[in-house]
Amino acid sequence: MIDNLNIIDILPDIMAFELINQAEYEKLLNEQVRRDAVMELLLLLPNRQENWLPRFLMVLKKNNEDRCADLILPDAATGKTQLAFTSTPW
C-alpha cells in the first residue's frame, strides 16, 4: 500500500473531507519521498479524530485506490485498524 498509493492525487480530497489541516497538507505535499508522506499520513489519521476511517476509505475509492482501500481492515473487537498483507502482487 505504502509504495503504491499516489498521495499527491488524494491530498485535495483528504483536505476536503477535513481529515488533515492546511499545515499537515503542505507538509505532506512537500515531502521529498512519497513513501515518507504516506507513512506520515497513516500516522496522522488515526490520531486526528474518531470516525476517520470511513471518510479515508471514501477518499481512496473516489480516487480509484480500491486496492489500497481493500487492504485496510477494521478490527471489530478493538475498533482499531490494521493493514492486510497479501502475497498477491499488484
PDB file of N, CA and C in Angstrom:
ATOM      1  N   MET A   1       0.830  -1.199   0.000  1.00  0.00           N
ATOM      2  CA  MET A   1       0.000   0.000   0.000  1.00  0.00           C
ATOM      3  C   MET A   1       0.870   1.257   0.000  1.00  0.00           C
ATOM      4  N   ILE A   2       1.869   1.255   0.844  1.00  0.00           N
ATOM      5  CA  ILE A   2       2.684   2.453   1.011  1.00  0.00           C
ATOM      6  C   ILE A   2       3.373   2.847  -0.283  1.00  0.00           C
ATOM      7  N   ASP A   3       3.876   1.873  -0.993  1.00  0.00           N
ATOM      8  CA  ASP A   3       4.603   2.176  -2.225  1.00  0.00           C
ATOM      9  C   ASP A   3       3.688   2.473  -3.400  1.00  0.00           C
ATOM     10  N   ASN A   4       2.431   2.069  -3.326  1.00  0.00           N
ATOM     11  CA  ASN A   4       1.533   2.190  -4.474  1.00  0.00           C
ATOM     12  C   ASN A   4       0.532   3.340  -4.380  1.00  0.00           C
ATOM     13  N   LEU A   5       0.382   3.920  -3.229  1.00  0.00           N
ATOM     14  CA  LEU A   5      -0.597   4.990  -3.051  1.00  0.00           C
ATOM     15  C   LEU A   5      -0.064   6.299  -3.621  1.00  0.00           C
ATOM     16  N   ASN A   6      -0.823   6.909  -4.516  1.00  0.00           N
ATOM     17  CA  ASN A   6      -0.435   8.189  -5.084  1.00  0.00           C
ATOM     18  C   ASN A   6      -0.985   9.300  -4.193  1.00  0.00           C
ATOM     19  N   ILE A   7      -0.206   9.674  -3.233  1.00  0.00           N
ATOM     20  CA  ILE A   7      -0.664  10.610  -2.205  1.00  0.00           C
ATOM     21  C   ILE A   7      -0.958  11.997  -2.769  1.00  0.00           C
ATOM     22  N   ILE A   8      -0.236  12.411  -3.784  1.00  0.00           N
ATOM     23  CA  ILE A   8      -0.464  13.735  -4.373  1.00  0.00           C
ATOM     24  C   ILE A   8      -1.890  13.842  -4.913  1.00  0.00           C
ATOM     25  N   ASP A   9      -2.386  12.773  -5.493  1.00  0.00           N
ATOM     26  CA  ASP A   9      -3.743  12.782  -6.047  1.00  0.00           C
ATOM     27  C   ASP A   9      -4.827  12.807  -4.987  1.00  0.00           C
ATOM     28  N   ILE A  10      -4.575  12.185  -3.846  1.00  0.00           N
ATOM     29  CA  ILE A  10      -5.637  12.094  -2.830  1.00  0.00           C
ATOM     30  C   ILE A  10      -5.620  13.226  -1.809  1.00  0.00           C
ATOM     31  N   LEU A  11      -4.522  13.968  -1.720  1.00  0.00           N
ATOM     32  CA  LEU A  11      -4.435  15.028  -0.711  1.00  0.00           C
ATOM     33  C   LEU A  11      -5.553  16.070  -0.799  1.00  0.00           C
ATOM     34  N   PRO A  12      -5.932  16.551  -1.978  1.00  0.00           N
ATOM     35  CA  PRO A  12      -7.031  17.533  -2.014  1.00  0.00           C
ATOM     36  C   PRO A  12      -8.337  16.982  -1.421  1.00  0.00           C
ATOM     37  N   ASP A  13      -8.637  15.724  -1.692  1.00  0.00           N
ATOM     38  CA  ASP A  13      -9.858  15.138  -1.127  1.00  0.00           C
ATOM     39  C   ASP A  13      -9.721  14.889   0.371  1.00  0.00           C
ATOM     40  N   ILE A  14      -8.530  14.560   0.824  1.00  0.00           N
ATOM     41  CA  ILE A  14      -8.316  14.392   2.264  1.00  0.00           C
ATOM     42  C   ILE A  14      -8.561  15.714   2.975  1.00  0.00           C
ATOM     43  N   MET A  15      -8.148  16.802   2.344  1.00  0.00           N
ATOM     44  CA  MET A  15      -8.432  18.140   2.893  1.00  0.00           C
ATOM     45  C   MET A  15      -9.927  18.426   2.846  1.00  0.00           C
ATOM     46  N   ALA A  16     -10.562  18.109   1.729  1.00  0.00           N
ATOM     47  CA  ALA A  16     -11.996  18.380   1.576  1.00  0.00           C
ATOM     48  C   ALA A  16     -12.824  17.618   2.613  1.00  0.00           C
ATOM     49  N   PHE A  17     -12.383  16.425   2.972  1.00  0.00           N
ATOM     50  CA  PHE A  17     -13.084  15.631   3.982  1.00  0.00           C
ATOM     51  C   PHE A  17     -12.654  16.004   5.394  1.00  0.00           C
ATOM     52  N   GLU A  18     -11.825  17.045   5.504  1.00  0.00           N
ATOM     53  CA  GLU A  18     -11.353  17.591   6.778  1.00  0.00           C
ATOM     54  C   GLU A  18     -10.645  16.546   7.634  1.00  0.00           C
ATOM     55  N   LEU A  19      -9.840  15.724   6.967  1.00  0.00           N
ATOM     56  CA  LEU A  19      -9.077  14.708   7.688  1.00  0.00           C
ATOM     57  C   LEU A  19      -7.715  15.224   8.140  1.00  0.00           C
ATOM     58  N   ILE A  20      -7.239  16.281   7.479  1.00  0.00           N
ATOM     59  CA  ILE A  20      -5.997  16.938   7.875  1.00  0.00           C
ATOM     60  C   ILE A  20      -6.197  18.444   7.762  1.00  0.00           C
ATOM     61  N   ASN A  21      -5.315  19.178   8.410  1.00  0.00           N
ATOM     62  CA  ASN A  21      -5.403  20.636   8.317  1.00  0.00           C
ATOM     63  C   ASN A  21      -4.436  21.160   7.254  1.00  0.00           C
ATOM     64  N   GLN A  22      -4.444  22.445   7.038  1.00  0.00           N
ATOM     65  CA  GLN A  22      -3.636  23.064   5.981  1.00  0.00           C
ATOM     66  C   GLN A  22      -2.144  22.832   6.188  1.00  0.00           C
ATOM     67  N   ALA A  23      -1.672  22.982   7.418  1.00  0.00           N
ATOM     68  CA  ALA A  23      -0.245  22.788   7.696  1.00  0.00           C
ATOM     69  C   ALA A  23       0.168  21.342   7.409  1.00  0.00           C
ATOM     70  N   GLU A  24      -0.669  20.387   7.777  1.00  0.00           N
ATOM     71  CA  GLU A  24      -0.375  18.974   7.510  1.00  0.00           C
ATOM     72  C   GLU A  24      -0.390  18.705   6.011  1.00  0.00           C
ATOM     73  N   TYR A  25      -1.349  19.304   5.326  1.00  0.00           N
ATOM     74  CA  TYR A  25      -1.442  19.169   3.873  1.00  0.00           C
ATOM     75  C   TYR A  25      -0.145  19.629   3.204  1.00  0.00           C
ATOM     76  N   GLU A  26       0.314  20.811   3.586  1.00  0.00           N
ATOM     77  CA  GLU A  26       1.517  21.368   2.981  1.00  0.00           C
ATOM     78  C   GLU A  26       2.745  20.522   3.310  1.00  0.00           C
ATOM     79  N   LYS A  27       2.823  20.029   4.534  1.00  0.00           N
ATOM     80  CA  LYS A  27       3.951  19.182   4.919  1.00  0.00           C
ATOM     81  C   LYS A  27       3.973  17.902   4.081  1.00  0.00           C
ATOM     82  N   LEU A  28       2.817  17.262   3.938  1.00  0.00           N
ATOM     83  CA  LEU A  28       2.736  16.035   3.150  1.00  0.00           C
ATOM     84  C   LEU A  28       3.028  16.305   1.676  1.00  0.00           C
ATOM     85  N   LEU A  29       2.518  17.403   1.173  1.00  0.00           N
ATOM     86  CA  LEU A  29       2.726  17.760  -0.226  1.00  0.00           C
ATOM     87  C   LEU A  29       4.198  18.015  -0.532  1.00  0.00           C
ATOM     88  N   ASN A  30       4.909  18.568   0.419  1.00  0.00           N
ATOM     89  CA  ASN A  30       6.309  18.926   0.218  1.00  0.00           C
ATOM     90  C   ASN A  30       7.290  17.828   0.630  1.00  0.00           C
ATOM     91  N   GLU A  31       6.782  16.722   1.106  1.00  0.00           N
ATOM     92  CA  GLU A  31       7.656  15.608   1.482  1.00  0.00           C
ATOM     93  C   GLU A  31       8.410  15.116   0.245  1.00  0.00           C
ATOM     94  N   GLN A  32       9.693  14.964   0.365  1.00  0.00           N
ATOM     95  CA  GLN A  32      10.532  14.593  -0.780  1.00  0.00           C
ATOM     96  C   GLN A  32      10.313  13.147  -1.233  1.00  0.00           C
ATOM     97  N   VAL A  33      10.057  12.266  -0.300  1.00  0.00           N
ATOM     98  CA  VAL A  33       9.898  10.848  -0.609  1.00  0.00           C
ATOM     99  C   VAL A  33       8.428  10.470  -0.402  1.00  0.00           C
ATOM    100  N   ARG A  34       7.799   9.974  -1.472  1.00  0.00           N
ATOM    101  CA  ARG A  34       6.372   9.641  -1.414  1.00  0.00           C
ATOM    102  C   ARG A  34       6.074   8.658  -0.286  1.00  0.00           C
ATOM    103  N   ARG A  35       6.925   7.676  -0.118  1.00  0.00           N
ATOM    104  CA  ARG A  35       6.731   6.671   0.929  1.00  0.00           C
ATOM    105  C   ARG A  35       6.663   7.338   2.310  1.00  0.00           C
ATOM    106  N   ASP A  36       7.534   8.313   2.549  1.00  0.00           N
ATOM    107  CA  ASP A  36       7.537   9.025   3.828  1.00  0.00           C
ATOM    108  C   ASP A  36       6.230   9.798   4.023  1.00  0.00           C
ATOM    109  N   ALA A  37       5.740  10.397   2.952  1.00  0.00           N
ATOM    110  CA  ALA A  37       4.481  11.141   3.040  1.00  0.00           C
ATOM    111  C   ALA A  37       3.312  10.215   3.368  1.00  0.00           C
ATOM    112  N   VAL A  38       3.279   9.054   2.741  1.00  0.00           N
ATOM    113  CA  VAL A  38       2.206   8.087   3.017  1.00  0.00           C
ATOM    114  C   VAL A  38       2.292   7.607   4.461  1.00  0.00           C
ATOM    115  N   MET A  39       3.488   7.305   4.925  1.00  0.00           N
ATOM    116  CA  MET A  39       3.657   6.863   6.316  1.00  0.00           C
ATOM    117  C   MET A  39       3.208   7.952   7.285  1.00  0.00           C
ATOM    118  N   GLU A  40       3.590   9.175   7.007  1.00  0.00           N
ATOM    119  CA  GLU A  40       3.182  10.297   7.869  1.00  0.00           C
ATOM    120  C   GLU A  40       1.658  10.426   7.900  1.00  0.00           C
ATOM    121  N   LEU A  41       1.030  10.319   6.739  1.00  0.00           N
ATOM    122  CA  LEU A  41      -0.432  10.393   6.669  1.00  0.00           C
ATOM    123  C   LEU A  41      -1.077   9.277   7.485  1.00  0.00           C
ATOM    124  N   LEU A  42      -0.567   8.065   7.340  1.00  0.00           N
ATOM    125  CA  LEU A  42      -1.140   6.929   8.072  1.00  0.00           C
ATOM    126  C   LEU A  42      -0.931   7.046   9.580  1.00  0.00           C
ATOM    127  N   LEU A  43       0.081   7.778   9.987  1.00  0.00           N
ATOM    128  CA  LEU A  43       0.271   8.032  11.413  1.00  0.00           C
ATOM    129  C   LEU A  43      -0.631   9.156  11.907  1.00  0.00           C
ATOM    130  N   LEU A  44      -0.881  10.137  11.062  1.00  0.00           N
ATOM    131  CA  LEU A  44      -1.718  11.281  11.424  1.00  0.00           C
ATOM    132  C   LEU A  44      -3.198  10.915  11.587  1.00  0.00           C
ATOM    133  N   LEU A  45      -3.710  10.212  10.618  1.00  0.00           N
ATOM    134  CA  LEU A  45      -5.157  10.000  10.541  1.00  0.00           C
ATOM    135  C   LEU A  45      -5.791   9.395  11.791  1.00  0.00           C
ATOM    136  N   PRO A  46      -5.283   8.301  12.320  1.00  0.00           N
ATOM    137  CA  PRO A  46      -5.955   7.708  13.482  1.00  0.00           C
ATOM    138  C   PRO A  46      -5.911   8.585  14.730  1.00  0.00           C
ATOM    139  N   ASN A  47      -4.962   9.494  14.790  1.00  0.00           N
ATOM    140  CA  ASN A  47      -4.811  10.349  15.960  1.00  0.00           C
ATOM    141  C   ASN A  47      -5.551  11.677  15.847  1.00  0.00           C
ATOM    142  N   ARG A  48      -6.125  11.943  14.684  1.00  0.00           N
ATOM    143  CA  ARG A  48      -6.779  13.237  14.457  1.00  0.00           C
ATOM    144  C   ARG A  48      -8.176  13.299  15.050  1.00  0.00           C
ATOM    145  N   GLN A  49      -8.960  12.270  14.818  1.00  0.00           N
ATOM    146  CA  GLN A  49     -10.355  12.308  15.225  1.00  0.00           C
ATOM    147  C   GLN A  49     -10.980  10.922  15.131  1.00  0.00           C
ATOM    148  N   GLU A  50     -12.066  10.753  15.846  1.00  0.00           N
ATOM    149  CA  GLU A  50     -12.798   9.498  15.750  1.00  0.00           C
ATOM    150  C   GLU A  50     -13.500   9.433  14.399  1.00  0.00           C
ATOM    151  N   ASN A  51     -13.804   8.244  13.972  1.00  0.00           N
ATOM    152  CA  ASN A  51     -14.546   8.012  12.723  1.00  0.00           C
ATOM    153  C   ASN A  51     -13.843   8.542  11.487  1.00  0.00           C
ATOM    154  N   TRP A  52     -12.531   8.538  11.496  1.00  0.00           N
ATOM    155  CA  TRP A  52     -11.761   8.972  10.334  1.00  0.00           C
ATOM    156  C   TRP A  52     -11.765   7.924   9.231  1.00  0.00           C
ATOM    157  N   LEU A  53     -11.857   6.670   9.616  1.00  0.00           N
ATOM    158  CA  LEU A  53     -11.682   5.588   8.657  1.00  0.00           C
ATOM    159  C   LEU A  53     -12.705   5.588   7.513  1.00  0.00           C
ATOM    160  N   PRO A  54     -14.003   5.707   7.773  1.00  0.00           N
ATOM    161  CA  PRO A  54     -14.946   5.704   6.650  1.00  0.00           C
ATOM    162  C   PRO A  54     -14.677   6.817   5.633  1.00  0.00           C
ATOM    163  N   ARG A  55     -14.294   7.987   6.116  1.00  0.00           N
ATOM    164  CA  ARG A  55     -14.004   9.094   5.208  1.00  0.00           C
ATOM    165  C   ARG A  55     -12.720   8.843   4.421  1.00  0.00           C
ATOM    166  N   PHE A  56     -11.722   8.272   5.068  1.00  0.00           N
ATOM    167  CA  PHE A  56     -10.480   7.948   4.374  1.00  0.00           C
ATOM    168  C   PHE A  56     -10.731   6.891   3.299  1.00  0.00           C
ATOM    169  N   LEU A  57     -11.526   5.900   3.608  1.00  0.00           N
ATOM    170  CA  LEU A  57     -11.853   4.870   2.620  1.00  0.00           C
ATOM    171  C   LEU A  57     -12.625   5.462   1.442  1.00  0.00           C
ATOM    172  N   MET A  58     -13.514   6.421   1.720  1.00  0.00           N
ATOM    173  CA  MET A  58     -14.243   7.090   0.628  1.00  0.00           C
ATOM    174  C   MET A  58     -13.270   7.850  -0.278  1.00  0.00           C
ATOM    175  N   VAL A  59     -12.288   8.511   0.326  1.00  0.00           N
ATOM    176  CA  VAL A  59     -11.281   9.232  -0.466  1.00  0.00           C
ATOM    177  C   VAL A  59     -10.514   8.254  -1.355  1.00  0.00           C
ATOM    178  N   LEU A  60     -10.103   7.137  -0.785  1.00  0.00           N
ATOM    179  CA  LEU A  60      -9.365   6.151  -1.572  1.00  0.00           C
ATOM    180  C   LEU A  60     -10.205   5.637  -2.734  1.00  0.00           C
ATOM    181  N   LYS A  61     -11.444   5.291  -2.459  1.00  0.00           N
ATOM    182  CA  LYS A  61     -12.315   4.760  -3.517  1.00  0.00           C
ATOM    183  C   LYS A  61     -12.609   5.824  -4.569  1.00  0.00           C
ATOM    184  N   LYS A  62     -12.825   7.054  -4.137  1.00  0.00           N
ATOM    185  CA  LYS A  62     -13.098   8.149  -5.068  1.00  0.00           C
ATOM    186  C   LYS A  62     -11.943   8.358  -6.036  1.00  0.00           C
ATOM    187  N   ASN A  63     -10.732   8.077  -5.564  1.00  0.00           N
ATOM    188  CA  ASN A  63      -9.533   8.282  -6.377  1.00  0.00           C
ATOM    189  C   ASN A  63      -9.021   6.981  -6.992  1.00  0.00           C
ATOM    190  N   ASN A  64      -9.921   6.027  -7.137  1.00  0.00           N
ATOM    191  CA  ASN A  64      -9.597   4.738  -7.768  1.00  0.00           C
ATOM    192  C   ASN A  64      -8.438   4.018  -7.091  1.00  0.00           C
ATOM    193  N   GLU A  65      -8.364   4.150  -5.785  1.00  0.00           N
ATOM    194  CA  GLU A  65      -7.352   3.455  -4.988  1.00  0.00           C
ATOM    195  C   GLU A  65      -8.018   2.297  -4.241  1.00  0.00           C
ATOM    196  N   ASP A  66      -8.865   1.555  -4.960  1.00  0.00           N
ATOM    197  CA  ASP A  66      -9.614   0.452  -4.349  1.00  0.00           C
ATOM    198  C   ASP A  66      -8.701  -0.605  -3.742  1.00  0.00           C
ATOM    199  N   ARG A  67      -7.603  -0.880  -4.404  1.00  0.00           N
ATOM    200  CA  ARG A  67      -6.679  -1.891  -3.873  1.00  0.00           C
ATOM    201  C   ARG A  67      -6.143  -1.475  -2.508  1.00  0.00           C
ATOM    202  N   CYS A  68      -5.823  -0.212  -2.376  1.00  0.00           N
ATOM    203  CA  CYS A  68      -5.342   0.277  -1.082  1.00  0.00           C
ATOM    204  C   CYS A  68      -6.459   0.240  -0.046  1.00  0.00           C
ATOM    205  N   ALA A  69      -7.634   0.650  -0.433  1.00  0.00           N
ATOM    206  CA  ALA A  69      -8.765   0.638   0.489  1.00  0.00           C
ATOM    207  C   ALA A  69      -9.068  -0.772   0.973  1.00  0.00           C
ATOM    208  N   ASP A  70      -8.952  -1.736   0.093  1.00  0.00           N
ATOM    209  CA  ASP A  70      -9.243  -3.119   0.455  1.00  0.00           C
ATOM    210  C   ASP A  70      -8.210  -3.713   1.399  1.00  0.00           C
ATOM    211  N   LEU A  71      -7.041  -3.091   1.513  1.00  0.00           N
ATOM    212  CA  LEU A  71      -6.009  -3.579   2.417  1.00  0.00           C
ATOM    213  C   LEU A  71      -6.195  -3.106   3.848  1.00  0.00           C
ATOM    214  N   ILE A  72      -7.089  -2.172   4.061  1.00  0.00           N
ATOM    215  CA  ILE A  72      -7.310  -1.630   5.402  1.00  0.00           C
ATOM    216  C   ILE A  72      -8.515  -2.331   6.008  1.00  0.00           C
ATOM    217  N   LEU A  73      -8.270  -3.019   7.104  1.00  0.00           N
ATOM    218  CA  LEU A  73      -9.321  -3.789   7.748  1.00  0.00           C
ATOM    219  C   LEU A  73      -9.573  -3.267   9.154  1.00  0.00           C
ATOM    220  N   PRO A  74     -10.818  -2.929   9.488  1.00  0.00           N
ATOM    221  CA  PRO A  74     -11.100  -2.555  10.874  1.00  0.00           C
ATOM    222  C   PRO A  74     -11.170  -3.808  11.732  1.00  0.00           C
ATOM    223  N   ASP A  75     -10.631  -3.739  12.926  1.00  0.00           N
ATOM    224  CA  ASP A  75     -10.710  -4.837  13.876  1.00  0.00           C
ATOM    225  C   ASP A  75     -11.988  -4.650  14.679  1.00  0.00           C
ATOM    226  N   ALA A  76     -12.931  -5.548  14.509  1.00  0.00           N
ATOM    227  CA  ALA A  76     -14.247  -5.420  15.142  1.00  0.00           C
ATOM    228  C   ALA A  76     -14.134  -5.405  16.666  1.00  0.00           C
ATOM    229  N   ALA A  77     -13.186  -6.120  17.220  1.00  0.00           N
ATOM    230  CA  ALA A  77     -13.061  -6.215  18.671  1.00  0.00           C
ATOM    231  C   ALA A  77     -12.519  -4.933  19.294  1.00  0.00           C
ATOM    232  N   THR A  78     -11.532  -4.322  18.654  1.00  0.00           N
ATOM    233  CA  THR A  78     -10.886  -3.156  19.253  1.00  0.00           C
ATOM    234  C   THR A  78     -11.284  -1.845  18.608  1.00  0.00           C
ATOM    235  N   GLY A  79     -11.812  -1.904  17.397  1.00  0.00           N
ATOM    236  CA  GLY A  79     -12.141  -0.678  16.681  1.00  0.00           C
ATOM    237  C   GLY A  79     -10.951  -0.053  15.996  1.00  0.00           C
ATOM    238  N   LYS A  80      -9.767  -0.646  16.183  1.00  0.00           N
ATOM    239  CA  LYS A  80      -8.559  -0.136  15.541  1.00  0.00           C
ATOM    240  C   LYS A  80      -8.450  -0.737  14.150  1.00  0.00           C
ATOM    241  N   THR A  81      -7.590  -0.174  13.359  1.00  0.00           N
ATOM    242  CA  THR A  81      -7.413  -0.678  12.000  1.00  0.00           C
ATOM    243  C   THR A  81      -6.091  -1.416  11.885  1.00  0.00           C
ATOM    244  N   GLN A  82      -6.061  -2.267  10.917  1.00  0.00           N
ATOM    245  CA  GLN A  82      -4.824  -2.975  10.613  1.00  0.00           C
ATOM    246  C   GLN A  82      -4.705  -3.078   9.105  1.00  0.00           C
ATOM    247  N   LEU A  83      -3.497  -3.264   8.644  1.00  0.00           N
ATOM    248  CA  LEU A  83      -3.274  -3.446   7.218  1.00  0.00           C
ATOM    249  C   LEU A  83      -3.238  -4.932   6.930  1.00  0.00           C
ATOM    250  N   ALA A  84      -3.934  -5.324   5.894  1.00  0.00           N
ATOM    251  CA  ALA A  84      -3.905  -6.720   5.465  1.00  0.00           C
ATOM    252  C   ALA A  84      -2.804  -6.864   4.442  1.00  0.00           C
ATOM    253  N   PHE A  85      -1.971  -7.851   4.623  1.00  0.00           N
ATOM    254  CA  PHE A  85      -0.894  -8.085   3.668  1.00  0.00           C
ATOM    255  C   PHE A  85      -1.168  -9.368   2.933  1.00  0.00           C
ATOM    256  N   THR A  86      -0.881  -9.336   1.678  1.00  0.00           N
ATOM    257  CA  THR A  86      -1.126 -10.488   0.836  1.00  0.00           C
ATOM    258  C   THR A  86       0.103 -10.743  -0.020  1.00  0.00           C
ATOM    259  N   SER A  87       0.238 -11.969  -0.442  1.00  0.00           N
ATOM    260  CA  SER A  87       1.377 -12.283  -1.310  1.00  0.00           C
ATOM    261  C   SER A  87       1.038 -12.044  -2.782  1.00  0.00           C
ATOM    262  N   THR A  88      -0.189 -11.645  -3.033  1.00  0.00           N
ATOM    263  CA  THR A  88      -0.605 -11.372  -4.404  1.00  0.00           C
ATOM    264  C   THR A  88       0.083 -10.093  -4.896  1.00  0.00           C
ATOM    265  N   PRO A  89       0.818 -10.173  -5.991  1.00  0.00           N
ATOM    266  CA  PRO A  89       1.483  -8.959  -6.492  1.00  0.00           C
ATOM    267  C   PRO A  89       0.475  -7.975  -7.076  1.00  0.00           C
ATOM    268  N   TRP A  90       0.833  -6.713  -7.050  1.00  0.00           N
ATOM    269  CA  TRP A  90      -0.024  -5.660  -7.606  1.00  0.00           C
ATOM    270  C   TRP A  90       0.272  -5.601  -9.038  1.00  0.00           C
TER     271      TRP A  90
END
